[in-house]
Amino acid sequence: MAKIKFKSDEEYLTHFEGLIDSLRHIARDYGYCAYGLSYKDYSGKTVISLDYYDVKLDSMVSWDLVKEVGVAVRRFKNKEVLLFRGETVITHKQIKYLKEIELQVS
């Protein structure tokens, strides 16, 4: 599956609307403020950003946030979208493992 090249910002925003909405809700739950397609903490540091087909998380975010964003990315159902924590790609299997650990602790 090839990545779609968007003709306009509006077309891009429409295509990613579901993922953007999910990220907005997650960021709000964690107390982050929206700045375009980025979310920053109280000190102004970007912790979540959507960069074309990449969802980038700061390397210092909690694994709970990684898990929630990972689930949102997978629910978006576009295998071209990648999730990064710092410079590391977070895979579907890693998200599944984080969810399993949460269930075992409960």
C-alpha atoms as a PDB file:
ATOM      1  CA  MET A   1       0.000   0.000   0.000  1.00  0.00           C
ATOM      2  CA  ALA A   2       1.533   3.301  -1.092  1.00  0.00           C
ATOM      3  CA  LYS A   3       1.285   6.450   0.938  1.00  0.00           C
ATOM      4  CA  ILE A   4      -1.269   8.911  -0.401  1.00  0.00           C
ATOM      5  CA  LYS A   5       0.106  12.240  -1.584  1.00  0.00           C
ATOM      6  CA  PHE A   6      -2.321  14.935  -0.524  1.00  0.00           C
ATOM      7  CA  LYS A   7      -3.129  17.885  -2.773  1.00  0.00           C
ATOM      8  CA  SER A   8      -3.940  20.222   0.099  1.00  0.00           C
ATOM      9  CA  ASP A   9      -3.762  20.561   3.864  1.00  0.00           C
ATOM     10  CA  GLU A  10      -7.535  20.256   3.990  1.00  0.00           C
ATOM     11  CA  GLU A  11      -7.441  16.909   2.181  1.00  0.00           C
ATOM     12  CA  TYR A  12      -4.759  15.688   4.636  1.00  0.00           C
ATOM     13  CA  LEU A  13      -6.793  16.819   7.667  1.00  0.00           C
ATOM     14  CA  THR A  14      -9.927  15.150   6.308  1.00  0.00           C
ATOM     15  CA  HIS A  15      -8.091  11.856   5.715  1.00  0.00           C
ATOM     16  CA  PHE A  16      -6.561  11.808   9.211  1.00  0.00           C
ATOM     17  CA  GLU A  17      -9.586  13.262  11.015  1.00  0.00           C
ATOM     18  CA  GLY A  18     -10.256  10.141  13.103  1.00  0.00           C
ATOM     19  CA  LEU A  19      -6.651   9.825  14.253  1.00  0.00           C
ATOM     20  CA  ILE A  20      -6.341  13.548  14.980  1.00  0.00           C
ATOM     21  CA  ASP A  21      -9.525  13.417  17.060  1.00  0.00           C
ATOM     22  CA  SER A  22      -8.210  10.420  19.046  1.00  0.00           C
ATOM     23  CA  LEU A  23      -4.876  12.137  19.687  1.00  0.00           C
ATOM     24  CA  ARG A  24      -6.686  15.291  20.807  1.00  0.00           C
ATOM     25  CA  HIS A  25      -8.696  13.348  23.398  1.00  0.00           C
ATOM     26  CA  ILE A  26      -5.666  11.456  24.689  1.00  0.00           C
ATOM     27  CA  ALA A  27      -3.595  14.651  24.929  1.00  0.00           C
ATOM     28  CA  ARG A  28      -6.397  16.415  26.798  1.00  0.00           C
ATOM     29  CA  ASP A  29      -6.634  13.503  29.272  1.00  0.00           C
ATOM     30  CA  TYR A  30      -2.915  13.878  30.007  1.00  0.00           C
ATOM     31  CA  GLY A  31      -3.122  17.659  30.346  1.00  0.00           C
ATOM     32  CA  TYR A  32      -1.314  18.601  27.134  1.00  0.00           C
ATOM     33  CA  CYS A  33      -2.202  21.667  25.051  1.00  0.00           C
ATOM     34  CA  ALA A  34      -2.822  21.555  21.299  1.00  0.00           C
ATOM     35  CA  TYR A  35      -0.661  23.583  18.913  1.00  0.00           C
ATOM     36  CA  GLY A  36      -1.758  22.627  15.414  1.00  0.00           C
ATOM     37  CA  LEU A  37      -0.977  18.942  14.995  1.00  0.00           C
ATOM     38  CA  SER A  38       1.308  18.930  18.046  1.00  0.00           C
ATOM     39  CA  TYR A  39       0.594  18.704  21.749  1.00  0.00           C
ATOM     40  CA  LYS A  40       2.846  20.312  24.338  1.00  0.00           C
ATOM     41  CA  ASP A  41       3.267  19.952  28.081  1.00  0.00           C
ATOM     42  CA  TYR A  42       3.092  22.818  30.567  1.00  0.00           C
ATOM     43  CA  SER A  43       6.746  23.762  29.896  1.00  0.00           C
ATOM     44  CA  GLY A  44       6.180  24.087  26.141  1.00  0.00           C
ATOM     45  CA  LYS A  45       7.935  20.856  25.177  1.00  0.00           C
ATOM     46  CA  THR A  46       6.305  18.917  22.332  1.00  0.00           C
ATOM     47  CA  VAL A  47       5.275  15.485  23.585  1.00  0.00           C
ATOM     48  CA  ILE A  48       2.962  14.284  20.782  1.00  0.00           C
ATOM     49  CA  SER A  49       3.029  15.302  17.124  1.00  0.00           C
ATOM     50  CA  LEU A  50       1.553  14.088  13.870  1.00  0.00           C
ATOM     51  CA  ASP A  51       4.101  14.513  11.092  1.00  0.00           C
ATOM     52  CA  TYR A  52       2.647  13.366   7.764  1.00  0.00           C
ATOM     53  CA  TYR A  53       2.284   9.586   8.357  1.00  0.00           C
ATOM     54  CA  ASP A  54       4.298   9.492  11.586  1.00  0.00           C
ATOM     55  CA  VAL A  55       2.993   9.897  15.120  1.00  0.00           C
ATOM     56  CA  LYS A  56       5.951  11.013  17.202  1.00  0.00           C
ATOM     57  CA  LEU A  57       6.116  10.859  20.987  1.00  0.00           C
ATOM     58  CA  ASP A  58       8.812  12.368  23.154  1.00  0.00           C
ATOM     59  CA  SER A  59      11.224   9.729  24.457  1.00  0.00           C
ATOM     60  CA  MET A  60      10.330  10.612  28.057  1.00  0.00           C
ATOM     61  CA  VAL A  61       6.548  10.010  27.866  1.00  0.00           C
ATOM     62  CA  SER A  62       5.066   7.265  30.020  1.00  0.00           C
ATOM     63  CA  TRP A  63       4.422   3.800  28.646  1.00  0.00           C
ATOM     64  CA  ASP A  64       0.730   4.304  29.491  1.00  0.00           C
ATOM     65  CA  LEU A  65       0.620   7.188  27.004  1.00  0.00           C
ATOM     66  CA  VAL A  66       2.516   5.106  24.428  1.00  0.00           C
ATOM     67  CA  LYS A  67      -0.039   2.319  24.856  1.00  0.00           C
ATOM     68  CA  GLU A  68      -3.040   4.636  24.457  1.00  0.00           C
ATOM     69  CA  VAL A  69      -1.613   6.375  21.394  1.00  0.00           C
ATOM     70  CA  GLY A  70      -0.601   2.999  19.942  1.00  0.00           C
ATOM     71  CA  VAL A  71      -4.134   1.692  20.299  1.00  0.00           C
ATOM     72  CA  ALA A  72      -5.473   4.855  18.603  1.00  0.00           C
ATOM     73  CA  VAL A  73      -3.008   4.418  15.722  1.00  0.00           C
ATOM     74  CA  ARG A  74      -4.030   0.778  15.231  1.00  0.00           C
ATOM     75  CA  ARG A  75      -7.746   1.637  15.372  1.00  0.00           C
ATOM     76  CA  PHE A  76      -7.128   4.147  12.580  1.00  0.00           C
ATOM     77  CA  LYS A  77      -6.384   1.048  10.442  1.00  0.00           C
ATOM     78  CA  ASN A  78      -3.744   2.487   8.165  1.00  0.00           C
ATOM     79  CA  LYS A  79      -0.597   0.369   8.223  1.00  0.00           C
ATOM     80  CA  GLU A  80       1.406   3.218   6.708  1.00  0.00           C
ATOM     81  CA  VAL A  81       1.121   5.234   9.951  1.00  0.00           C
ATOM     82  CA  LEU A  82       4.113   4.626  12.210  1.00  0.00           C
ATOM     83  CA  LEU A  83       4.415   5.349  15.924  1.00  0.00           C
ATOM     84  CA  PHE A  84       7.729   6.581  17.319  1.00  0.00           C
ATOM     85  CA  ARG A  85       8.866   7.050  20.908  1.00  0.00           C
ATOM     86  CA  GLY A  86      11.950   9.170  20.557  1.00  0.00           C
ATOM     87  CA  GLU A  87      13.789   7.633  17.598  1.00  0.00           C
ATOM     88  CA  THR A  88      12.405   4.120  18.172  1.00  0.00           C
ATOM     89  CA  VAL A  89       9.517   2.665  16.174  1.00  0.00           C
ATOM     90  CA  ILE A  90       6.858   1.143  18.427  1.00  0.00           C
ATOM     91  CA  THR A  91       5.307  -1.917  16.811  1.00  0.00           C
ATOM     92  CA  HIS A  92       1.819  -3.383  17.078  1.00  0.00           C
ATOM     93  CA  LYS A  93       3.258  -6.334  19.007  1.00  0.00           C
ATOM     94  CA  GLN A  94       4.809  -4.001  21.581  1.00  0.00           C
ATOM     95  CA  ILE A  95       1.454  -2.252  22.095  1.00  0.00           C
ATOM     96  CA  LYS A  96      -0.237  -5.638  22.493  1.00  0.00           C
ATOM     97  CA  TYR A  97       2.396  -6.609  25.087  1.00  0.00           C
ATOM     98  CA  LEU A  98       1.795  -3.376  27.039  1.00  0.00           C
ATOM     99  CA  LYS A  99      -1.943  -4.104  27.072  1.00  0.00           C
ATOM    100  CA  GLU A 100      -1.319  -7.668  28.296  1.00  0.00           C
ATOM    101  CA  ILE A 101       0.890  -6.421  31.129  1.00  0.00           C
ATOM    102  CA  GLU A 102      -1.856  -3.988  32.157  1.00  0.00           C
ATOM    103  CA  LEU A 103      -4.390  -6.840  32.281  1.00  0.00           C
ATOM    104  CA  GLN A 104      -2.057  -9.013  34.376  1.00  0.00           C
ATOM    105  CA  VAL A 105      -1.519  -6.214  36.900  1.00  0.00           C
ATOM    106  CA  SER A 106      -5.269  -5.572  37.238  1.00  0.00           C
END
